[in-house]
Amino acid sequence: MLKVIIADDERLICRLVQTLADWDSLGMEVVAMAENGLEALELVQSRHPDILITDIQTQKISKPFSESSGFTSHTKQKRFGYFL
């Protein structure tokens, strides 16, 4: 089963994404949700998800998801691909 983390600074969006998909039929499991970029980064480091679904501009990272934020640098080192 693929592990999924959902990250968005709006809690309702996280819940909506979690609710709209039939994760089991896709062979996936939502293992965590984050409400800001720092929390998402911590969860990626601790939970090692296969998929991260996120808002490209999330709070608590000064330049959201840019190279200077460390977020994409960290995830690139881990095995994530990037899709827009």
PDB file of N, CA and C in Angstrom:
ATOM      1  N   MET A   1       0.845  -1.178   0.000  1.00  0.00           N
ATOM      2  CA  MET A   1       0.000   0.000   0.000  1.00  0.00           C
ATOM      3  C   MET A   1       0.894   1.246   0.000  1.00  0.00           C
ATOM      4  N   LEU A   2       0.626   2.198  -0.876  1.00  0.00           N
ATOM      5  CA  LEU A   2       1.397   3.439  -0.935  1.00  0.00           C
ATOM      6  C   LEU A   2       0.963   4.389   0.179  1.00  0.00           C
ATOM      7  N   LYS A   3       1.935   5.012   0.821  1.00  0.00           N
ATOM      8  CA  LYS A   3       1.649   5.963   1.897  1.00  0.00           C
ATOM      9  C   LYS A   3       1.541   7.374   1.318  1.00  0.00           C
ATOM     10  N   VAL A   4       0.479   8.096   1.732  1.00  0.00           N
ATOM     11  CA  VAL A   4       0.195   9.436   1.224  1.00  0.00           C
ATOM     12  C   VAL A   4       0.152  10.430   2.377  1.00  0.00           C
ATOM     13  N   ILE A   5       0.764  11.595   2.171  1.00  0.00           N
ATOM     14  CA  ILE A   5       0.608  12.720   3.094  1.00  0.00           C
ATOM     15  C   ILE A   5      -0.069  13.843   2.319  1.00  0.00           C
ATOM     16  N   ILE A   6      -1.068  14.468   2.941  1.00  0.00           N
ATOM     17  CA  ILE A   6      -1.776  15.605   2.359  1.00  0.00           C
ATOM     18  C   ILE A   6      -1.380  16.843   3.148  1.00  0.00           C
ATOM     19  N   ALA A   7      -0.952  17.906   2.443  1.00  0.00           N
ATOM     20  CA  ALA A   7      -0.526  19.132   3.124  1.00  0.00           C
ATOM     21  C   ALA A   7      -1.174  20.348   2.463  1.00  0.00           C
ATOM     22  N   ASP A   8      -1.836  21.139   3.265  1.00  0.00           N
ATOM     23  CA  ASP A   8      -2.427  22.398   2.807  1.00  0.00           C
ATOM     24  C   ASP A   8      -2.657  23.243   4.045  1.00  0.00           C
ATOM     25  N   ASP A   9      -2.477  24.569   3.906  1.00  0.00           N
ATOM     26  CA  ASP A   9      -2.651  25.423   5.072  1.00  0.00           C
ATOM     27  C   ASP A   9      -4.126  25.638   5.432  1.00  0.00           C
ATOM     28  N   GLU A  10      -5.018  25.092   4.630  1.00  0.00           N
ATOM     29  CA  GLU A  10      -6.445  25.136   4.961  1.00  0.00           C
ATOM     30  C   GLU A  10      -6.900  23.729   5.332  1.00  0.00           C
ATOM     31  N   ARG A  11      -7.254  23.560   6.586  1.00  0.00           N
ATOM     32  CA  ARG A  11      -7.645  22.243   7.105  1.00  0.00           C
ATOM     33  C   ARG A  11      -8.784  21.621   6.297  1.00  0.00           C
ATOM     34  N   LEU A  12      -9.749  22.442   5.896  1.00  0.00           N
ATOM     35  CA  LEU A  12     -10.879  21.912   5.135  1.00  0.00           C
ATOM     36  C   LEU A  12     -10.455  21.330   3.793  1.00  0.00           C
ATOM     37  N   ILE A  13      -9.449  21.924   3.165  1.00  0.00           N
ATOM     38  CA  ILE A  13      -8.940  21.388   1.898  1.00  0.00           C
ATOM     39  C   ILE A  13      -8.313  20.016   2.130  1.00  0.00           C
ATOM     40  N   CYS A  14      -7.542  19.884   3.188  1.00  0.00           N
ATOM     41  CA  CYS A  14      -6.958  18.574   3.529  1.00  0.00           C
ATOM     42  C   CYS A  14      -8.048  17.526   3.693  1.00  0.00           C
ATOM     43  N   ARG A  15      -9.057  17.871   4.438  1.00  0.00           N
ATOM     44  CA  ARG A  15     -10.152  16.916   4.672  1.00  0.00           C
ATOM     45  C   ARG A  15     -10.902  16.595   3.390  1.00  0.00           C
ATOM     46  N   LEU A  16     -11.093  17.600   2.537  1.00  0.00           N
ATOM     47  CA  LEU A  16     -11.775  17.385   1.264  1.00  0.00           C
ATOM     48  C   LEU A  16     -10.989  16.419   0.389  1.00  0.00           C
ATOM     49  N   VAL A  17      -9.702  16.626   0.267  1.00  0.00           N
ATOM     50  CA  VAL A  17      -8.858  15.730  -0.533  1.00  0.00           C
ATOM     51  C   VAL A  17      -8.909  14.322   0.040  1.00  0.00           C
ATOM     52  N   GLN A  18      -8.854  14.216   1.347  1.00  0.00           N
ATOM     53  CA  GLN A  18      -8.902  12.899   1.992  1.00  0.00           C
ATOM     54  C   GLN A  18     -10.241  12.207   1.727  1.00  0.00           C
ATOM     55  N   THR A  19     -11.324  12.965   1.741  1.00  0.00           N
ATOM     56  CA  THR A  19     -12.664  12.403   1.597  1.00  0.00           C
ATOM     57  C   THR A  19     -13.009  12.042   0.154  1.00  0.00           C
ATOM     58  N   LEU A  20     -12.537  12.817  -0.799  1.00  0.00           N
ATOM     59  CA  LEU A  20     -12.954  12.629  -2.192  1.00  0.00           C
ATOM     60  C   LEU A  20     -12.384  11.394  -2.873  1.00  0.00           C
ATOM     61  N   ALA A  21     -11.268  10.923  -2.439  1.00  0.00           N
ATOM     62  CA  ALA A  21     -10.647   9.765  -3.094  1.00  0.00           C
ATOM     63  C   ALA A  21     -10.985   8.474  -2.360  1.00  0.00           C
ATOM     64  N   ASP A  22     -11.114   7.410  -3.127  1.00  0.00           N
ATOM     65  CA  ASP A  22     -11.267   6.080  -2.551  1.00  0.00           C
ATOM     66  C   ASP A  22      -9.863   5.481  -2.459  1.00  0.00           C
ATOM     67  N   TRP A  23      -9.169   5.844  -1.388  1.00  0.00           N
ATOM     68  CA  TRP A  23      -7.761   5.505  -1.244  1.00  0.00           C
ATOM     69  C   TRP A  23      -7.501   4.007  -1.290  1.00  0.00           C
ATOM     70  N   ASP A  24      -8.369   3.225  -0.651  1.00  0.00           N
ATOM     71  CA  ASP A  24      -8.166   1.766  -0.635  1.00  0.00           C
ATOM     72  C   ASP A  24      -8.180   1.182  -2.040  1.00  0.00           C
ATOM     73  N   SER A  25      -9.132   1.617  -2.871  1.00  0.00           N
ATOM     74  CA  SER A  25      -9.214   1.062  -4.219  1.00  0.00           C
ATOM     75  C   SER A  25      -8.022   1.477  -5.077  1.00  0.00           C
ATOM     76  N   LEU A  26      -7.345   2.561  -4.688  1.00  0.00           N
ATOM     77  CA  LEU A  26      -6.159   3.025  -5.399  1.00  0.00           C
ATOM     78  C   LEU A  26      -4.871   2.380  -4.869  1.00  0.00           C
ATOM     79  N   GLY A  27      -5.029   1.590  -3.811  1.00  0.00           N
ATOM     80  CA  GLY A  27      -3.853   0.968  -3.208  1.00  0.00           C
ATOM     81  C   GLY A  27      -3.046   1.954  -2.384  1.00  0.00           C
ATOM     82  N   MET A  28      -3.751   2.943  -1.811  1.00  0.00           N
ATOM     83  CA  MET A  28      -3.082   4.000  -1.054  1.00  0.00           C
ATOM     84  C   MET A  28      -3.738   4.187   0.304  1.00  0.00           C
ATOM     85  N   GLU A  29      -2.945   4.766   1.207  1.00  0.00           N
ATOM     86  CA  GLU A  29      -3.425   5.056   2.556  1.00  0.00           C
ATOM     87  C   GLU A  29      -2.916   6.435   2.964  1.00  0.00           C
ATOM     88  N   VAL A  30      -3.829   7.305   3.416  1.00  0.00           N
ATOM     89  CA  VAL A  30      -3.417   8.612   3.930  1.00  0.00           C
ATOM     90  C   VAL A  30      -2.876   8.386   5.334  1.00  0.00           C
ATOM     91  N   VAL A  31      -1.574   8.618   5.504  1.00  0.00           N
ATOM     92  CA  VAL A  31      -0.935   8.353   6.789  1.00  0.00           C
ATOM     93  C   VAL A  31      -0.826   9.601   7.654  1.00  0.00           C
ATOM     94  N   ALA A  32      -0.987  10.794   7.030  1.00  0.00           N
ATOM     95  CA  ALA A  32      -0.894  12.032   7.811  1.00  0.00           C
ATOM     96  C   ALA A  32      -1.390  13.207   6.984  1.00  0.00           C
ATOM     97  N   MET A  33      -1.747  14.276   7.714  1.00  0.00           N
ATOM     98  CA  MET A  33      -2.106  15.543   7.092  1.00  0.00           C
ATOM     99  C   MET A  33      -1.348  16.653   7.809  1.00  0.00           C
ATOM    100  N   ALA A  34      -0.896  17.637   7.035  1.00  0.00           N
ATOM    101  CA  ALA A  34      -0.139  18.761   7.594  1.00  0.00           C
ATOM    102  C   ALA A  34      -0.839  20.063   7.239  1.00  0.00           C
ATOM    103  N   GLU A  35      -0.744  21.030   8.155  1.00  0.00           N
ATOM    104  CA  GLU A  35      -1.396  22.320   7.940  1.00  0.00           C
ATOM    105  C   GLU A  35      -0.414  23.436   7.606  1.00  0.00           C
ATOM    106  N   ASN A  36       0.864  23.114   7.477  1.00  0.00           N
ATOM    107  CA  ASN A  36       1.844  24.109   7.048  1.00  0.00           C
ATOM    108  C   ASN A  36       3.083  23.382   6.528  1.00  0.00           C
ATOM    109  N   GLY A  37       3.965  24.168   5.910  1.00  0.00           N
ATOM    110  CA  GLY A  37       5.136  23.577   5.279  1.00  0.00           C
ATOM    111  C   GLY A  37       6.103  22.908   6.234  1.00  0.00           C
ATOM    112  N   LEU A  38       6.309  23.507   7.396  1.00  0.00           N
ATOM    113  CA  LEU A  38       7.230  22.896   8.366  1.00  0.00           C
ATOM    114  C   LEU A  38       6.706  21.565   8.865  1.00  0.00           C
ATOM    115  N   GLU A  39       5.415  21.517   9.132  1.00  0.00           N
ATOM    116  CA  GLU A  39       4.806  20.259   9.570  1.00  0.00           C
ATOM    117  C   GLU A  39       4.896  19.213   8.455  1.00  0.00           C
ATOM    118  N   ALA A  40       4.681  19.636   7.211  1.00  0.00           N
ATOM    119  CA  ALA A  40       4.789  18.712   6.081  1.00  0.00           C
ATOM    120  C   ALA A  40       6.210  18.154   5.974  1.00  0.00           C
ATOM    121  N   LEU A  41       7.195  19.020   6.119  1.00  0.00           N
ATOM    122  CA  LEU A  41       8.584  18.578   6.046  1.00  0.00           C
ATOM    123  C   LEU A  41       8.902  17.578   7.153  1.00  0.00           C
ATOM    124  N   GLU A  42       8.456  17.861   8.363  1.00  0.00           N
ATOM    125  CA  GLU A  42       8.682  16.932   9.478  1.00  0.00           C
ATOM    126  C   GLU A  42       8.018  15.583   9.215  1.00  0.00           C
ATOM    127  N   LEU A  43       6.804  15.616   8.664  1.00  0.00           N
ATOM    128  CA  LEU A  43       6.095  14.368   8.382  1.00  0.00           C
ATOM    129  C   LEU A  43       6.776  13.576   7.266  1.00  0.00           C
ATOM    130  N   VAL A  44       7.272  14.274   6.253  1.00  0.00           N
ATOM    131  CA  VAL A  44       8.003  13.594   5.180  1.00  0.00           C
ATOM    132  C   VAL A  44       9.238  12.913   5.753  1.00  0.00           C
ATOM    133  N   GLN A  45       9.932  13.601   6.650  1.00  0.00           N
ATOM    134  CA  GLN A  45      11.147  13.037   7.242  1.00  0.00           C
ATOM    135  C   GLN A  45      10.847  11.851   8.150  1.00  0.00           C
ATOM    136  N   SER A  46       9.732  11.895   8.861  1.00  0.00           N
ATOM    137  CA  SER A  46       9.439  10.821   9.814  1.00  0.00           C
ATOM    138  C   SER A  46       8.603   9.679   9.232  1.00  0.00           C
ATOM    139  N   ARG A  47       7.711   9.974   8.301  1.00  0.00           N
ATOM    140  CA  ARG A  47       6.805   8.954   7.761  1.00  0.00           C
ATOM    141  C   ARG A  47       7.245   8.367   6.427  1.00  0.00           C
ATOM    142  N   HIS A  48       8.154   9.030   5.715  1.00  0.00           N
ATOM    143  CA  HIS A  48       8.671   8.544   4.431  1.00  0.00           C
ATOM    144  C   HIS A  48       7.544   8.137   3.469  1.00  0.00           C
ATOM    145  N   PRO A  49       6.675   9.087   3.108  1.00  0.00           N
ATOM    146  CA  PRO A  49       5.554   8.746   2.226  1.00  0.00           C
ATOM    147  C   PRO A  49       6.025   8.470   0.796  1.00  0.00           C
ATOM    148  N   ASP A  50       5.190   7.768   0.069  1.00  0.00           N
ATOM    149  CA  ASP A  50       5.443   7.542  -1.350  1.00  0.00           C
ATOM    150  C   ASP A  50       4.917   8.713  -2.176  1.00  0.00           C
ATOM    151  N   ILE A  51       3.860   9.366  -1.662  1.00  0.00           N
ATOM    152  CA  ILE A  51       3.214  10.474  -2.368  1.00  0.00           C
ATOM    153  C   ILE A  51       2.947  11.608  -1.388  1.00  0.00           C
ATOM    154  N   LEU A  52       3.253  12.826  -1.819  1.00  0.00           N
ATOM    155  CA  LEU A  52       2.927  14.023  -1.051  1.00  0.00           C
ATOM    156  C   LEU A  52       2.027  14.889  -1.920  1.00  0.00           C
ATOM    157  N   ILE A  53       0.824  15.152  -1.433  1.00  0.00           N
ATOM    158  CA  ILE A  53      -0.119  16.036  -2.128  1.00  0.00           C
ATOM    159  C   ILE A  53      -0.119  17.341  -1.354  1.00  0.00           C
ATOM    160  N   THR A  54       0.250  18.432  -2.027  1.00  0.00           N
ATOM    161  CA  THR A  54       0.409  19.682  -1.303  1.00  0.00           C
ATOM    162  C   THR A  54       0.052  20.898  -2.140  1.00  0.00           C
ATOM    163  N   ASP A  55      -0.291  21.951  -1.431  1.00  0.00           N
ATOM    164  CA  ASP A  55      -0.466  23.271  -2.019  1.00  0.00           C
ATOM    165  C   ASP A  55       0.937  23.811  -2.280  1.00  0.00           C
ATOM    166  N   ILE A  56       1.189  24.346  -3.434  1.00  0.00           N
ATOM    167  CA  ILE A  56       2.526  24.827  -3.774  1.00  0.00           C
ATOM    168  C   ILE A  56       2.941  26.028  -2.925  1.00  0.00           C
ATOM    169  N   GLN A  57       1.968  26.782  -2.404  1.00  0.00           N
ATOM    170  CA  GLN A  57       2.274  27.933  -1.550  1.00  0.00           C
ATOM    171  C   GLN A  57       1.648  27.708  -0.191  1.00  0.00           C
ATOM    172  N   THR A  58       2.390  27.049   0.655  1.00  0.00           N
ATOM    173  CA  THR A  58       1.887  26.774   1.991  1.00  0.00           C
ATOM    174  C   THR A  58       2.627  27.636   3.008  1.00  0.00           C
ATOM    175  N   GLN A  59       2.026  27.836   4.156  1.00  0.00           N
ATOM    176  CA  GLN A  59       2.587  28.733   5.165  1.00  0.00           C
ATOM    177  C   GLN A  59       3.786  28.124   5.876  1.00  0.00           C
ATOM    178  N   LYS A  60       4.525  29.005   6.558  1.00  0.00           N
ATOM    179  CA  LYS A  60       5.641  28.679   7.440  1.00  0.00           C
ATOM    180  C   LYS A  60       6.897  28.229   6.717  1.00  0.00           C
ATOM    181  N   ILE A  61       6.998  28.526   5.455  1.00  0.00           N
ATOM    182  CA  ILE A  61       8.268  28.418   4.745  1.00  0.00           C
ATOM    183  C   ILE A  61       8.359  29.706   3.954  1.00  0.00           C
ATOM    184  N   SER A  62       9.420  30.476   4.169  1.00  0.00           N
ATOM    185  CA  SER A  62       9.485  31.834   3.631  1.00  0.00           C
ATOM    186  C   SER A  62       9.343  31.888   2.114  1.00  0.00           C
ATOM    187  N   LYS A  63       9.977  31.000   1.397  1.00  0.00           N
ATOM    188  CA  LYS A  63       9.804  30.921  -0.050  1.00  0.00           C
ATOM    189  C   LYS A  63       9.216  29.546  -0.318  1.00  0.00           C
ATOM    190  N   PRO A  64       7.899  29.455  -0.335  1.00  0.00           N
ATOM    191  CA  PRO A  64       7.245  28.142  -0.352  1.00  0.00           C
ATOM    192  C   PRO A  64       7.783  27.189  -1.405  1.00  0.00           C
ATOM    193  N   PHE A  65       8.248  26.062  -0.941  1.00  0.00           N
ATOM    194  CA  PHE A  65       8.654  24.941  -1.763  1.00  0.00           C
ATOM    195  C   PHE A  65       9.664  25.307  -2.837  1.00  0.00           C
ATOM    196  N   SER A  66      10.504  26.304  -2.546  1.00  0.00           N
ATOM    197  CA  SER A  66      11.557  26.659  -3.486  1.00  0.00           C
ATOM    198  C   SER A  66      12.853  25.989  -3.043  1.00  0.00           C
ATOM    199  N   GLU A  67      13.848  26.043  -3.887  1.00  0.00           N
ATOM    200  CA  GLU A  67      15.137  25.452  -3.538  1.00  0.00           C
ATOM    201  C   GLU A  67      15.683  26.043  -2.245  1.00  0.00           C
ATOM    202  N   SER A  68      15.485  27.348  -2.033  1.00  0.00           N
ATOM    203  CA  SER A  68      16.046  27.968  -0.836  1.00  0.00           C
ATOM    204  C   SER A  68      15.311  27.560   0.432  1.00  0.00           C
ATOM    205  N   SER A  69      14.126  27.017   0.304  1.00  0.00           N
ATOM    206  CA  SER A  69      13.387  26.613   1.502  1.00  0.00           C
ATOM    207  C   SER A  69      13.922  25.323   2.090  1.00  0.00           C
ATOM    208  N   GLY A  70      14.618  24.554   1.279  1.00  0.00           N
ATOM    209  CA  GLY A  70      15.091  23.265   1.757  1.00  0.00           C
ATOM    210  C   GLY A  70      14.086  22.162   1.541  1.00  0.00           C
ATOM    211  N   PHE A  71      12.846  22.497   1.286  1.00  0.00           N
ATOM    212  CA  PHE A  71      11.813  21.472   1.149  1.00  0.00           C
ATOM    213  C   PHE A  71      12.043  20.634  -0.094  1.00  0.00           C
ATOM    214  N   THR A  72      12.163  21.277  -1.250  1.00  0.00           N
ATOM    215  CA  THR A  72      12.379  20.485  -2.458  1.00  0.00           C
ATOM    216  C   THR A  72      13.761  19.863  -2.462  1.00  0.00           C
ATOM    217  N   SER A  73      14.731  20.538  -1.876  1.00  0.00           N
ATOM    218  CA  SER A  73      16.064  19.938  -1.789  1.00  0.00           C
ATOM    219  C   SER A  73      15.996  18.642  -1.008  1.00  0.00           C
ATOM    220  N   HIS A  74      15.294  18.657   0.099  1.00  0.00           N
ATOM    221  CA  HIS A  74      15.169  17.457   0.930  1.00  0.00           C
ATOM    222  C   HIS A  74      14.414  16.360   0.184  1.00  0.00           C
ATOM    223  N   THR A  75      13.282  16.708  -0.417  1.00  0.00           N
ATOM    224  CA  THR A  75      12.483  15.677  -1.071  1.00  0.00           C
ATOM    225  C   THR A  75      13.169  15.138  -2.310  1.00  0.00           C
ATOM    226  N   LYS A  76      13.947  15.960  -3.016  1.00  0.00           N
ATOM    227  CA  LYS A  76      14.692  15.457  -4.168  1.00  0.00           C
ATOM    228  C   LYS A  76      15.693  14.402  -3.728  1.00  0.00           C
ATOM    229  N   GLN A  77      16.276  14.593  -2.568  1.00  0.00           N
ATOM    230  CA  GLN A  77      17.235  13.618  -2.061  1.00  0.00           C
ATOM    231  C   GLN A  77      16.539  12.314  -1.716  1.00  0.00           C
ATOM    232  N   LYS A  78      15.274  12.362  -1.457  1.00  0.00           N
ATOM    233  CA  LYS A  78      14.537  11.181  -1.035  1.00  0.00           C
ATOM    234  C   LYS A  78      13.948  10.415  -2.204  1.00  0.00           C
ATOM    235  N   ARG A  79      13.484  10.657  -3.165  1.00  0.00           N
ATOM    236  CA  ARG A  79      12.961   9.887  -4.279  1.00  0.00           C
ATOM    237  C   ARG A  79      11.678  10.454  -4.841  1.00  0.00           C
ATOM    238  N   PHE A  80      11.299  11.660  -4.444  1.00  0.00           N
ATOM    239  CA  PHE A  80      10.076  12.237  -4.964  1.00  0.00           C
ATOM    240  C   PHE A  80      10.258  12.769  -6.365  1.00  0.00           C
ATOM    241  N   GLY A  81       9.258  12.558  -7.187  1.00  0.00           N
ATOM    242  CA  GLY A  81       9.187  13.220  -8.480  1.00  0.00           C
ATOM    243  C   GLY A  81       8.333  14.466  -8.289  1.00  0.00           C
ATOM    244  N   TYR A  82       8.293  15.330  -9.278  1.00  0.00           N
ATOM    245  CA  TYR A  82       7.496  16.554  -9.166  1.00  0.00           C
ATOM    246  C   TYR A  82       6.494  16.615 -10.300  1.00  0.00           C
ATOM    247  N   PHE A  83       5.266  16.896  -9.962  1.00  0.00           N
ATOM    248  CA  PHE A  83       4.199  16.995 -10.948  1.00  0.00           C
ATOM    249  C   PHE A  83       3.466  18.297 -10.734  1.00  0.00           C
ATOM    250  N   LEU A  84       3.148  18.993 -11.809  1.00  0.00           N
ATOM    251  CA  LEU A  84       2.370  20.229 -11.723  1.00  0.00           C
ATOM    252  C   LEU A  84       1.043  20.031 -12.406  1.00  0.00           C
TER     253      LEU A  84
END
